[in-house]
Amino acid sequence: KHNDEEVIGLTTLMIKNIPIRMLQTDMLALINKNYSGKYDYFYLPMDLKTQCSVGFAFINFVDHSFILDFFLEFQFMKWSETIKNCNSTKLVEIVYANMQG
């Protein structure tokens, strides 16, 4: 957990509970609807054996001022209500990443 003074300047978030069948291109299309040009790094790790995502991603915003809007839009979002033909019951969880930048 971070206090208010610690989070000022933090720009990297971890997006948790991503459906394993979600592709990076699909995730970026969703993010780019409102955040194109507002981040400089996105990474959705994939399991090389299964060719599925591992269920989390990292995004680094160019300025910490974009984080609140992103958090409010995506925190606890239901994948099944957002992505066509997605049966996942998972809810998105947004947290600050341990590694920043």
PDB file of N, CA and C in Angstrom:
ATOM      1  N   LYS A   1       0.838  -1.191   0.000  1.00  0.00           N
ATOM      2  CA  LYS A   1       0.000   0.000   0.000  1.00  0.00           C
ATOM      3  C   LYS A   1       0.881   1.251   0.000  1.00  0.00           C
ATOM      4  N   HIS A   2       0.385   2.294  -0.654  1.00  0.00           N
ATOM      5  CA  HIS A   2       1.117   3.553  -0.746  1.00  0.00           C
ATOM      6  C   HIS A   2       0.280   4.654  -0.115  1.00  0.00           C
ATOM      7  N   ASN A   3       0.973   5.615   0.526  1.00  0.00           N
ATOM      8  CA  ASN A   3       0.225   6.768   1.011  1.00  0.00           C
ATOM      9  C   ASN A   3       0.208   7.847  -0.066  1.00  0.00           C
ATOM     10  N   ASP A   4      -0.557   8.916   0.150  1.00  0.00           N
ATOM     11  CA  ASP A   4      -0.745   9.945  -0.879  1.00  0.00           C
ATOM     12  C   ASP A   4       0.563  10.546  -1.367  1.00  0.00           C
ATOM     13  N   GLU A   5       1.488  10.812  -0.464  1.00  0.00           N
ATOM     14  CA  GLU A   5       2.758  11.423  -0.873  1.00  0.00           C
ATOM     15  C   GLU A   5       3.583  10.477  -1.717  1.00  0.00           C
ATOM     16  N   GLU A   6       3.505   9.185  -1.444  1.00  0.00           N
ATOM     17  CA  GLU A   6       4.274   8.204  -2.207  1.00  0.00           C
ATOM     18  C   GLU A   6       3.754   8.033  -3.622  1.00  0.00           C
ATOM     19  N   VAL A   7       2.446   8.159  -3.844  1.00  0.00           N
ATOM     20  CA  VAL A   7       1.900   7.882  -5.163  1.00  0.00           C
ATOM     21  C   VAL A   7       2.078   9.032  -6.142  1.00  0.00           C
ATOM     22  N   ILE A   8       2.339  10.223  -5.643  1.00  0.00           N
ATOM     23  CA  ILE A   8       2.581  11.338  -6.557  1.00  0.00           C
ATOM     24  C   ILE A   8       3.847  11.023  -7.338  1.00  0.00           C
ATOM     25  N   GLY A   9       3.713  10.970  -8.627  1.00  0.00           N
ATOM     26  CA  GLY A   9       4.854  10.649  -9.476  1.00  0.00           C
ATOM     27  C   GLY A   9       4.894   9.204  -9.935  1.00  0.00           C
ATOM     28  N   LEU A  10       4.141   8.304  -9.292  1.00  0.00           N
ATOM     29  CA  LEU A  10       4.097   6.923  -9.764  1.00  0.00           C
ATOM     30  C   LEU A  10       3.302   6.872 -11.059  1.00  0.00           C
ATOM     31  N   THR A  11       3.812   6.148 -12.030  1.00  0.00           N
ATOM     32  CA  THR A  11       3.182   6.133 -13.349  1.00  0.00           C
ATOM     33  C   THR A  11       2.897   4.734 -13.886  1.00  0.00           C
ATOM     34  N   THR A  12       3.380   3.689 -13.224  1.00  0.00           N
ATOM     35  CA  THR A  12       3.228   2.331 -13.743  1.00  0.00           C
ATOM     36  C   THR A  12       2.200   1.549 -12.943  1.00  0.00           C
ATOM     37  N   LEU A  13       1.249   0.980 -13.660  1.00  0.00           N
ATOM     38  CA  LEU A  13       0.186   0.194 -13.039  1.00  0.00           C
ATOM     39  C   LEU A  13       0.258  -1.255 -13.488  1.00  0.00           C
ATOM     40  N   MET A  14      -0.250  -2.117 -12.643  1.00  0.00           N
ATOM     41  CA  MET A  14      -0.448  -3.524 -12.991  1.00  0.00           C
ATOM     42  C   MET A  14      -1.950  -3.724 -13.150  1.00  0.00           C
ATOM     43  N   ILE A  15      -2.350  -4.323 -14.260  1.00  0.00           N
ATOM     44  CA  ILE A  15      -3.750  -4.638 -14.534  1.00  0.00           C
ATOM     45  C   ILE A  15      -3.909  -6.130 -14.280  1.00  0.00           C
ATOM     46  N   LYS A  16      -4.718  -6.491 -13.304  1.00  0.00           N
ATOM     47  CA  LYS A  16      -4.862  -7.891 -12.897  1.00  0.00           C
ATOM     48  C   LYS A  16      -6.204  -8.467 -13.348  1.00  0.00           C
ATOM     49  N   ASN A  17      -6.254  -9.786 -13.373  1.00  0.00           N
ATOM     50  CA  ASN A  17      -7.460 -10.561 -13.708  1.00  0.00           C
ATOM     51  C   ASN A  17      -7.866 -10.431 -15.166  1.00  0.00           C
ATOM     52  N   ILE A  18      -6.893 -10.355 -16.045  1.00  0.00           N
ATOM     53  CA  ILE A  18      -7.159 -10.321 -17.483  1.00  0.00           C
ATOM     54  C   ILE A  18      -7.451 -11.747 -17.948  1.00  0.00           C
ATOM     55  N   PRO A  19      -8.511 -11.949 -18.724  1.00  0.00           N
ATOM     56  CA  PRO A  19      -8.800 -13.300 -19.233  1.00  0.00           C
ATOM     57  C   PRO A  19      -7.605 -13.848 -20.025  1.00  0.00           C
ATOM     58  N   ILE A  20      -7.313 -15.122 -19.855  1.00  0.00           N
ATOM     59  CA  ILE A  20      -6.110 -15.686 -20.473  1.00  0.00           C
ATOM     60  C   ILE A  20      -6.170 -15.713 -21.994  1.00  0.00           C
ATOM     61  N   ARG A  21      -7.352 -15.646 -22.564  1.00  0.00           N
ATOM     62  CA  ARG A  21      -7.469 -15.647 -24.024  1.00  0.00           C
ATOM     63  C   ARG A  21      -7.367 -14.241 -24.628  1.00  0.00           C
ATOM     64  N   MET A  22      -7.224 -13.244 -23.774  1.00  0.00           N
ATOM     65  CA  MET A  22      -7.102 -11.864 -24.247  1.00  0.00           C
ATOM     66  C   MET A  22      -5.747 -11.668 -24.925  1.00  0.00           C
ATOM     67  N   LEU A  23      -5.763 -11.128 -26.131  1.00  0.00           N
ATOM     68  CA  LEU A  23      -4.534 -10.849 -26.867  1.00  0.00           C
ATOM     69  C   LEU A  23      -4.092  -9.408 -26.600  1.00  0.00           C
ATOM     70  N   GLN A  24      -2.810  -9.158 -26.770  1.00  0.00           N
ATOM     71  CA  GLN A  24      -2.294  -7.809 -26.560  1.00  0.00           C
ATOM     72  C   GLN A  24      -2.974  -6.812 -27.497  1.00  0.00           C
ATOM     73  N   THR A  25      -3.226  -7.205 -28.742  1.00  0.00           N
ATOM     74  CA  THR A  25      -3.876  -6.293 -29.694  1.00  0.00           C
ATOM     75  C   THR A  25      -5.283  -5.916 -29.229  1.00  0.00           C
ATOM     76  N   ASP A  26      -6.017  -6.877 -28.674  1.00  0.00           N
ATOM     77  CA  ASP A  26      -7.364  -6.606 -28.164  1.00  0.00           C
ATOM     78  C   ASP A  26      -7.316  -5.694 -26.941  1.00  0.00           C
ATOM     79  N   MET A  27      -6.364  -5.956 -26.086  1.00  0.00           N
ATOM     80  CA  MET A  27      -6.215  -5.142 -24.870  1.00  0.00           C
ATOM     81  C   MET A  27      -5.850  -3.704 -25.242  1.00  0.00           C
ATOM     82  N   LEU A  28      -4.939  -3.556 -26.193  1.00  0.00           N
ATOM     83  CA  LEU A  28      -4.540  -2.208 -26.619  1.00  0.00           C
ATOM     84  C   LEU A  28      -5.686  -1.465 -27.298  1.00  0.00           C
ATOM     85  N   ALA A  29      -6.496  -2.177 -28.053  1.00  0.00           N
ATOM     86  CA  ALA A  29      -7.652  -1.534 -28.688  1.00  0.00           C
ATOM     87  C   ALA A  29      -8.599  -0.981 -27.634  1.00  0.00           C
ATOM     88  N   LEU A  30      -8.794  -1.722 -26.569  1.00  0.00           N
ATOM     89  CA  LEU A  30      -9.645  -1.270 -25.472  1.00  0.00           C
ATOM     90  C   LEU A  30      -9.039  -0.057 -24.767  1.00  0.00           C
ATOM     91  N   ILE A  31      -7.757  -0.116 -24.482  1.00  0.00           N
ATOM     92  CA  ILE A  31      -7.073   0.980 -23.783  1.00  0.00           C
ATOM     93  C   ILE A  31      -6.980   2.228 -24.660  1.00  0.00           C
ATOM     94  N   ASN A  32      -6.704   2.032 -25.944  1.00  0.00           N
ATOM     95  CA  ASN A  32      -6.491   3.174 -26.840  1.00  0.00           C
ATOM     96  C   ASN A  32      -7.754   3.984 -27.124  1.00  0.00           C
ATOM     97  N   LYS A  33      -8.921   3.463 -26.765  1.00  0.00           N
ATOM     98  CA  LYS A  33     -10.156   4.229 -26.951  1.00  0.00           C
ATOM     99  C   LYS A  33     -10.059   5.577 -26.233  1.00  0.00           C
ATOM    100  N   ASN A  34      -9.478   5.582 -25.044  1.00  0.00           N
ATOM    101  CA  ASN A  34      -9.390   6.815 -24.256  1.00  0.00           C
ATOM    102  C   ASN A  34      -7.972   7.201 -23.836  1.00  0.00           C
ATOM    103  N   TYR A  35      -6.991   6.329 -24.086  1.00  0.00           N
ATOM    104  CA  TYR A  35      -5.655   6.592 -23.548  1.00  0.00           C
ATOM    105  C   TYR A  35      -4.546   6.541 -24.587  1.00  0.00           C
ATOM    106  N   SER A  36      -4.892   6.587 -25.853  1.00  0.00           N
ATOM    107  CA  SER A  36      -3.877   6.618 -26.903  1.00  0.00           C
ATOM    108  C   SER A  36      -2.988   7.846 -26.718  1.00  0.00           C
ATOM    109  N   GLY A  37      -1.682   7.631 -26.752  1.00  0.00           N
ATOM    110  CA  GLY A  37      -0.729   8.725 -26.584  1.00  0.00           C
ATOM    111  C   GLY A  37      -0.482   9.121 -25.142  1.00  0.00           C
ATOM    112  N   LYS A  38      -1.175   8.487 -24.205  1.00  0.00           N
ATOM    113  CA  LYS A  38      -1.023   8.841 -22.788  1.00  0.00           C
ATOM    114  C   LYS A  38      -0.141   7.851 -22.030  1.00  0.00           C
ATOM    115  N   TYR A  39       0.304   6.802 -22.714  1.00  0.00           N
ATOM    116  CA  TYR A  39       1.209   5.831 -22.101  1.00  0.00           C
ATOM    117  C   TYR A  39       2.360   5.559 -23.067  1.00  0.00           C
ATOM    118  N   ASP A  40       3.472   5.119 -22.521  1.00  0.00           N
ATOM    119  CA  ASP A  40       4.636   4.846 -23.363  1.00  0.00           C
ATOM    120  C   ASP A  40       5.106   3.394 -23.289  1.00  0.00           C
ATOM    121  N   TYR A  41       4.407   2.592 -22.497  1.00  0.00           N
ATOM    122  CA  TYR A  41       4.804   1.185 -22.359  1.00  0.00           C
ATOM    123  C   TYR A  41       3.576   0.366 -21.975  1.00  0.00           C
ATOM    124  N   PHE A  42       3.401  -0.765 -22.656  1.00  0.00           N
ATOM    125  CA  PHE A  42       2.357  -1.724 -22.303  1.00  0.00           C
ATOM    126  C   PHE A  42       2.924  -3.108 -22.527  1.00  0.00           C
ATOM    127  N   TYR A  43       2.706  -3.998 -21.573  1.00  0.00           N
ATOM    128  CA  TYR A  43       3.209  -5.360 -21.703  1.00  0.00           C
ATOM    129  C   TYR A  43       2.202  -6.340 -21.128  1.00  0.00           C
ATOM    130  N   LEU A  44       1.755  -7.264 -21.959  1.00  0.00           N
ATOM    131  CA  LEU A  44       0.871  -8.349 -21.557  1.00  0.00           C
ATOM    132  C   LEU A  44       1.656  -9.641 -21.757  1.00  0.00           C
ATOM    133  N   PRO A  45       2.244 -10.178 -20.690  1.00  0.00           N
ATOM    134  CA  PRO A  45       3.046 -11.401 -20.829  1.00  0.00           C
ATOM    135  C   PRO A  45       2.201 -12.576 -21.325  1.00  0.00           C
ATOM    136  N   MET A  46       2.814 -13.401 -22.145  1.00  0.00           N
ATOM    137  CA  MET A  46       2.140 -14.580 -22.692  1.00  0.00           C
ATOM    138  C   MET A  46       2.880 -15.843 -22.252  1.00  0.00           C
ATOM    139  N   ASP A  47       2.134 -16.893 -22.019  1.00  0.00           N
ATOM    140  CA  ASP A  47       2.697 -18.206 -21.727  1.00  0.00           C
ATOM    141  C   ASP A  47       3.075 -18.826 -23.067  1.00  0.00           C
ATOM    142  N   LEU A  48       4.340 -19.097 -23.271  1.00  0.00           N
ATOM    143  CA  LEU A  48       4.811 -19.596 -24.566  1.00  0.00           C
ATOM    144  C   LEU A  48       4.273 -20.983 -24.904  1.00  0.00           C
ATOM    145  N   LYS A  49       3.992 -21.790 -23.890  1.00  0.00           N
ATOM    146  CA  LYS A  49       3.479 -23.137 -24.149  1.00  0.00           C
ATOM    147  C   LYS A  49       2.014 -23.112 -24.579  1.00  0.00           C
ATOM    148  N   THR A  50       1.207 -22.312 -23.887  1.00  0.00           N
ATOM    149  CA  THR A  50      -0.234 -22.307 -24.162  1.00  0.00           C
ATOM    150  C   THR A  50      -0.639 -21.212 -25.138  1.00  0.00           C
ATOM    151  N   GLN A  51       0.239 -20.255 -25.381  1.00  0.00           N
ATOM    152  CA  GLN A  51      -0.071 -19.093 -26.224  1.00  0.00           C
ATOM    153  C   GLN A  51      -1.217 -18.255 -25.647  1.00  0.00           C
ATOM    154  N   CYS A  52      -1.398 -18.343 -24.337  1.00  0.00           N
ATOM    155  CA  CYS A  52      -2.417 -17.551 -23.643  1.00  0.00           C
ATOM    156  C   CYS A  52      -1.717 -16.524 -22.756  1.00  0.00           C
ATOM    157  N   SER A  53      -2.452 -15.483 -22.396  1.00  0.00           N
ATOM    158  CA  SER A  53      -1.870 -14.500 -21.485  1.00  0.00           C
ATOM    159  C   SER A  53      -1.768 -15.116 -20.093  1.00  0.00           C
ATOM    160  N   VAL A  54      -0.959 -14.509 -19.257  1.00  0.00           N
ATOM    161  CA  VAL A  54      -0.796 -15.013 -17.891  1.00  0.00           C
ATOM    162  C   VAL A  54      -1.746 -14.311 -16.917  1.00  0.00           C
ATOM    163  N   GLY A  55      -2.605 -13.434 -17.420  1.00  0.00           N
ATOM    164  CA  GLY A  55      -3.651 -12.866 -16.579  1.00  0.00           C
ATOM    165  C   GLY A  55      -3.385 -11.490 -16.003  1.00  0.00           C
ATOM    166  N   PHE A  56      -2.251 -10.899 -16.368  1.00  0.00           N
ATOM    167  CA  PHE A  56      -1.964  -9.546 -15.895  1.00  0.00           C
ATOM    168  C   PHE A  56      -1.161  -8.806 -16.949  1.00  0.00           C
ATOM    169  N   ALA A  57      -1.115  -7.475 -16.807  1.00  0.00           N
ATOM    170  CA  ALA A  57      -0.362  -6.644 -17.745  1.00  0.00           C
ATOM    171  C   ALA A  57       0.181  -5.438 -16.989  1.00  0.00           C
ATOM    172  N   PHE A  58       1.114  -4.753 -17.632  1.00  0.00           N
ATOM    173  CA  PHE A  58       1.682  -3.528 -17.071  1.00  0.00           C
ATOM    174  C   PHE A  58       1.503  -2.393 -18.074  1.00  0.00           C
ATOM    175  N   ILE A  59       1.206  -1.223 -17.544  1.00  0.00           N
ATOM    176  CA  ILE A  59       1.093  -0.028 -18.371  1.00  0.00           C
ATOM    177  C   ILE A  59       1.787   1.118 -17.643  1.00  0.00           C
ATOM    178  N   ASN A  60       2.586   1.873 -18.387  1.00  0.00           N
ATOM    179  CA  ASN A  60       3.272   3.032 -17.825  1.00  0.00           C
ATOM    180  C   ASN A  60       2.759   4.290 -18.521  1.00  0.00           C
ATOM    181  N   PHE A  61       2.175   5.175 -17.754  1.00  0.00           N
ATOM    182  CA  PHE A  61       1.654   6.424 -18.294  1.00  0.00           C
ATOM    183  C   PHE A  61       2.749   7.475 -18.369  1.00  0.00           C
ATOM    184  N   VAL A  62       2.647   8.361 -19.345  1.00  0.00           N
ATOM    185  CA  VAL A  62       3.654   9.409 -19.516  1.00  0.00           C
ATOM    186  C   VAL A  62       3.546  10.466 -18.417  1.00  0.00           C
ATOM    187  N   ASP A  63       2.397  10.505 -17.733  1.00  0.00           N
ATOM    188  CA  ASP A  63       2.222  11.442 -16.625  1.00  0.00           C
ATOM    189  C   ASP A  63       1.263  10.818 -15.610  1.00  0.00           C
ATOM    190  N   HIS A  64       1.553  11.005 -14.337  1.00  0.00           N
ATOM    191  CA  HIS A  64       0.724  10.403 -13.289  1.00  0.00           C
ATOM    192  C   HIS A  64      -0.710  10.942 -13.285  1.00  0.00           C
ATOM    193  N   SER A  65      -0.932  12.065 -13.928  1.00  0.00           N
ATOM    194  CA  SER A  65      -2.273  12.664 -13.933  1.00  0.00           C
ATOM    195  C   SER A  65      -3.295  11.832 -14.720  1.00  0.00           C
ATOM    196  N   PHE A  66      -2.847  10.886 -15.535  1.00  0.00           N
ATOM    197  CA  PHE A  66      -3.771  10.044 -16.306  1.00  0.00           C
ATOM    198  C   PHE A  66      -4.260   8.830 -15.503  1.00  0.00           C
ATOM    199  N   ILE A  67      -3.617   8.555 -14.395  1.00  0.00           N
ATOM    200  CA  ILE A  67      -3.893   7.321 -13.660  1.00  0.00           C
ATOM    201  C   ILE A  67      -5.287   7.304 -13.040  1.00  0.00           C
ATOM    202  N   LEU A  68      -5.740   8.382 -12.466  1.00  0.00           N
ATOM    203  CA  LEU A  68      -7.048   8.376 -11.802  1.00  0.00           C
ATOM    204  C   LEU A  68      -8.165   8.047 -12.786  1.00  0.00           C
ATOM    205  N   ASP A  69      -8.170   8.685 -13.950  1.00  0.00           N
ATOM    206  CA  ASP A  69      -9.210   8.393 -14.944  1.00  0.00           C
ATOM    207  C   ASP A  69      -9.153   6.936 -15.384  1.00  0.00           C
ATOM    208  N   PHE A  70      -7.938   6.414 -15.610  1.00  0.00           N
ATOM    209  CA  PHE A  70      -7.777   5.017 -16.005  1.00  0.00           C
ATOM    210  C   PHE A  70      -8.318   4.097 -14.915  1.00  0.00           C
ATOM    211  N   PHE A  71      -7.946   4.395 -13.677  1.00  0.00           N
ATOM    212  CA  PHE A  71      -8.404   3.602 -12.538  1.00  0.00           C
ATOM    213  C   PHE A  71      -9.934   3.609 -12.462  1.00  0.00           C
ATOM    214  N   LEU A  72     -10.529   4.780 -12.554  1.00  0.00           N
ATOM    215  CA  LEU A  72     -11.985   4.888 -12.446  1.00  0.00           C
ATOM    216  C   LEU A  72     -12.703   4.167 -13.584  1.00  0.00           C
ATOM    217  N   GLU A  73     -12.091   4.135 -14.753  1.00  0.00           N
ATOM    218  CA  GLU A  73     -12.706   3.453 -15.898  1.00  0.00           C
ATOM    219  C   GLU A  73     -12.590   1.936 -15.809  1.00  0.00           C
ATOM    220  N   PHE A  74     -11.441   1.446 -15.361  1.00  0.00           N
ATOM    221  CA  PHE A  74     -11.176   0.013 -15.444  1.00  0.00           C
ATOM    222  C   PHE A  74     -11.300  -0.762 -14.134  1.00  0.00           C
ATOM    223  N   GLN A  75     -11.134  -0.140 -12.986  1.00  0.00           N
ATOM    224  CA  GLN A  75     -11.196  -0.870 -11.715  1.00  0.00           C
ATOM    225  C   GLN A  75     -12.568  -1.540 -11.572  1.00  0.00           C
ATOM    226  N   PHE A  76     -12.557  -2.833 -11.331  1.00  0.00           N
ATOM    227  CA  PHE A  76     -13.750  -3.664 -11.136  1.00  0.00           C
ATOM    228  C   PHE A  76     -14.631  -3.780 -12.379  1.00  0.00           C
ATOM    229  N   MET A  77     -14.070  -3.448 -13.551  1.00  0.00           N
ATOM    230  CA  MET A  77     -14.796  -3.639 -14.807  1.00  0.00           C
ATOM    231  C   MET A  77     -15.045  -5.133 -15.014  1.00  0.00           C
ATOM    232  N   LYS A  78     -16.242  -5.483 -15.473  1.00  0.00           N
ATOM    233  CA  LYS A  78     -16.574  -6.876 -15.768  1.00  0.00           C
ATOM    234  C   LYS A  78     -16.212  -7.160 -17.216  1.00  0.00           C
ATOM    235  N   TRP A  79     -15.315  -8.109 -17.408  1.00  0.00           N
ATOM    236  CA  TRP A  79     -14.887  -8.451 -18.770  1.00  0.00           C
ATOM    237  C   TRP A  79     -16.066  -8.903 -19.621  1.00  0.00           C
ATOM    238  N   SER A  80     -16.963  -9.673 -19.035  1.00  0.00           N
ATOM    239  CA  SER A  80     -18.096 -10.219 -19.802  1.00  0.00           C
ATOM    240  C   SER A  80     -19.033  -9.124 -20.299  1.00  0.00           C
ATOM    241  N   GLU A  81     -19.020  -7.971 -19.650  1.00  0.00           N
ATOM    242  CA  GLU A  81     -19.869  -6.856 -20.080  1.00  0.00           C
ATOM    243  C   GLU A  81     -19.143  -5.909 -21.031  1.00  0.00           C
ATOM    244  N   THR A  82     -17.839  -6.094 -21.183  1.00  0.00           N
ATOM    245  CA  THR A  82     -17.018  -5.182 -21.973  1.00  0.00           C
ATOM    246  C   THR A  82     -16.558  -5.782 -23.286  1.00  0.00           C
ATOM    247  N   ILE A  83     -16.220  -7.059 -23.268  1.00  0.00           N
ATOM    248  CA  ILE A  83     -15.656  -7.744 -24.428  1.00  0.00           C
ATOM    249  C   ILE A  83     -16.699  -8.703 -25.010  1.00  0.00           C
ATOM    250  N   LYS A  84     -16.947  -8.549 -26.291  1.00  0.00           N
ATOM    251  CA  LYS A  84     -17.904  -9.407 -26.983  1.00  0.00           C
ATOM    252  C   LYS A  84     -17.452 -10.865 -26.910  1.00  0.00           C
ATOM    253  N   ASN A  85     -18.379 -11.757 -26.636  1.00  0.00           N
ATOM    254  CA  ASN A  85     -18.134 -13.201 -26.555  1.00  0.00           C
ATOM    255  C   ASN A  85     -17.155 -13.598 -25.461  1.00  0.00           C
ATOM    256  N   CYS A  86     -17.028 -12.778 -24.427  1.00  0.00           N
ATOM    257  CA  CYS A  86     -16.153 -13.110 -23.298  1.00  0.00           C
ATOM    258  C   CYS A  86     -17.018 -13.660 -22.171  1.00  0.00           C
ATOM    259  N   ASN A  87     -16.677 -14.845 -21.708  1.00  0.00           N
ATOM    260  CA  ASN A  87     -17.454 -15.494 -20.650  1.00  0.00           C
ATOM    261  C   ASN A  87     -16.804 -15.362 -19.278  1.00  0.00           C
ATOM    262  N   SER A  88     -15.723 -14.609 -19.192  1.00  0.00           N
ATOM    263  CA  SER A  88     -15.004 -14.484 -17.929  1.00  0.00           C
ATOM    264  C   SER A  88     -15.853 -13.767 -16.884  1.00  0.00           C
ATOM    265  N   THR A  89     -15.844 -14.313 -15.684  1.00  0.00           N
ATOM    266  CA  THR A  89     -16.544 -13.677 -14.569  1.00  0.00           C
ATOM    267  C   THR A  89     -15.612 -12.786 -13.752  1.00  0.00           C
ATOM    268  N   LYS A  90     -14.374 -12.664 -14.208  1.00  0.00           N
ATOM    269  CA  LYS A  90     -13.382 -11.887 -13.463  1.00  0.00           C
ATOM    270  C   LYS A  90     -13.664 -10.385 -13.546  1.00  0.00           C
ATOM    271  N   LEU A  91     -13.243  -9.691 -12.500  1.00  0.00           N
ATOM    272  CA  LEU A  91     -13.294  -8.229 -12.456  1.00  0.00           C
ATOM    273  C   LEU A  91     -11.874  -7.701 -12.515  1.00  0.00           C
ATOM    274  N   VAL A  92     -11.666  -6.635 -13.255  1.00  0.00           N
ATOM    275  CA  VAL A  92     -10.342  -6.022 -13.362  1.00  0.00           C
ATOM    276  C   VAL A  92      -9.937  -5.466 -11.996  1.00  0.00           C
ATOM    277  N   GLU A  93      -8.670  -5.617 -11.680  1.00  0.00           N
ATOM    278  CA  GLU A  93      -8.106  -4.986 -10.489  1.00  0.00           C
ATOM    279  C   GLU A  93      -6.884  -4.186 -10.925  1.00  0.00           C
ATOM    280  N   ILE A  94      -6.845  -2.910 -10.551  1.00  0.00           N
ATOM    281  CA  ILE A  94      -5.745  -2.026 -10.905  1.00  0.00           C
ATOM    282  C   ILE A  94      -4.949  -1.727  -9.636  1.00  0.00           C
ATOM    283  N   VAL A  95      -3.646  -1.959  -9.675  1.00  0.00           N
ATOM    284  CA  VAL A  95      -2.757  -1.650  -8.552  1.00  0.00           C
ATOM    285  C   VAL A  95      -1.491  -0.997  -9.095  1.00  0.00           C
ATOM    286  N   TYR A  96      -0.795  -0.269  -8.224  1.00  0.00           N
ATOM    287  CA  TYR A  96       0.505   0.261  -8.625  1.00  0.00           C
ATOM    288  C   TYR A  96       1.479  -0.893  -8.757  1.00  0.00           C
ATOM    289  N   ALA A  97       2.285  -0.869  -9.804  1.00  0.00           N
ATOM    290  CA  ALA A  97       3.294  -1.902 -10.021  1.00  0.00           C
ATOM    291  C   ALA A  97       4.448  -1.727  -9.033  1.00  0.00           C
ATOM    292  N   ASN A  98       5.052  -2.838  -8.643  1.00  0.00           N
ATOM    293  CA  ASN A  98       6.214  -2.780  -7.743  1.00  0.00           C
ATOM    294  C   ASN A  98       7.385  -2.067  -8.405  1.00  0.00           C
ATOM    295  N   MET A  99       7.581  -2.326  -9.690  1.00  0.00           N
ATOM    296  CA  MET A  99       8.641  -1.659 -10.459  1.00  0.00           C
ATOM    297  C   MET A  99       8.023  -0.497 -11.223  1.00  0.00           C
ATOM    298  N   GLN A 100       8.598   0.674 -11.118  1.00  0.00           N
ATOM    299  CA  GLN A 100       8.068   1.863 -11.780  1.00  0.00           C
ATOM    300  C   GLN A 100       8.953   2.263 -12.951  1.00  0.00           C
ATOM    301  N   GLY A 101       8.314   2.850 -13.963  1.00  0.00           N
ATOM    302  CA  GLY A 101       9.056   3.361 -15.112  1.00  0.00           C
ATOM    303  C   GLY A 101       8.950   2.439 -16.228  1.00  0.00           C
TER     304      GLY A 101
END
